Protein backbone atom coordinates (compact mmCIF):
# COMPACT_ATOMS: atom_id res chain seq x y z
CA MET A 1 -3.54 -10.95 12.04
CA ALA A 2 -6.42 -8.79 13.25
CA GLU A 3 -4.67 -5.63 12.08
CA PHE A 4 -4.81 -6.96 8.50
CA SER A 5 -8.53 -7.80 8.46
CA LYS A 6 -9.45 -4.46 6.88
CA LEU A 7 -6.97 -5.11 4.06
CA ASN A 8 -8.45 -8.56 3.51
CA ASN A 9 -11.91 -7.05 3.18
CA LEU A 10 -10.77 -4.33 0.80
CA TYR A 11 -9.00 -6.76 -1.51
CA TRP A 12 -12.07 -8.99 -1.43
CA GLN A 13 -14.19 -6.03 -2.56
CA ILE A 14 -11.81 -5.39 -5.47
CA ARG A 15 -11.96 -9.02 -6.57
CA TYR A 16 -15.74 -9.14 -6.71
CA THR A 17 -16.56 -5.84 -8.40
CA ARG A 18 -16.49 -5.11 -12.10
CA ILE A 19 -16.89 -1.33 -12.02
CA LYS A 20 -13.53 0.33 -12.58
CA SER A 21 -14.30 3.49 -10.63
CA VAL A 22 -15.25 1.40 -7.60
CA LYS A 23 -12.00 -0.58 -7.89
CA ARG A 24 -10.00 2.67 -7.94
CA LYS A 25 -11.85 3.82 -4.83
CA TYR A 26 -10.90 0.63 -2.98
CA TYR A 27 -7.28 0.91 -4.11
CA ARG A 28 -7.20 4.40 -2.58
CA TYR A 29 -8.60 2.97 0.66
CA ILE A 30 -5.90 0.28 0.57
CA ALA A 31 -3.14 2.85 0.13
CA LYS A 32 -4.47 4.82 3.09
CA GLU A 33 -4.71 1.68 5.25
CA LYS A 34 -1.18 0.58 4.30
CA LYS A 35 0.15 4.00 5.28
CA CYS A 36 -1.57 3.78 8.67
CA LEU A 37 -0.22 0.27 9.27
CA ILE A 38 3.34 1.32 8.43
CA GLU A 39 3.07 4.29 10.80
CA SER A 40 1.83 1.98 13.55
CA GLY A 41 4.94 -0.16 13.30
CA VAL A 42 4.06 -3.06 10.99
CA ASP A 43 7.01 -4.55 9.14
CA VAL A 44 7.07 -3.07 5.62
CA GLU A 45 8.26 -6.27 3.95
CA GLU A 46 5.57 -8.35 5.66
CA LEU A 47 2.93 -5.87 4.54
CA ARG A 48 4.24 -5.87 0.97
CA LEU A 49 4.17 -9.66 0.80
CA LEU A 50 0.71 -9.85 2.29
CA CYS A 51 -0.67 -7.34 -0.21
CA ARG A 52 0.99 -9.20 -3.05
CA HIS A 53 -0.61 -12.43 -1.87
CA LEU A 54 -4.05 -10.85 -1.49
CA SER A 55 -3.97 -9.25 -4.93
CA ASN A 56 -3.04 -12.50 -6.70
CA HIS A 57 -5.94 -14.64 -5.52
């Protein structure tokens, strides 16, 4: 679960900001982090479900 802590923090930042340009910046960071996780061998379906869960809080 430690490899997903950065994603948790990024989604938390998106939830608690109201500035749209800042939200877009964090979504770009999330896309970059997801790409790195997939390249490191994380299951794609697990990552997809986790991101879906984090975005629907």
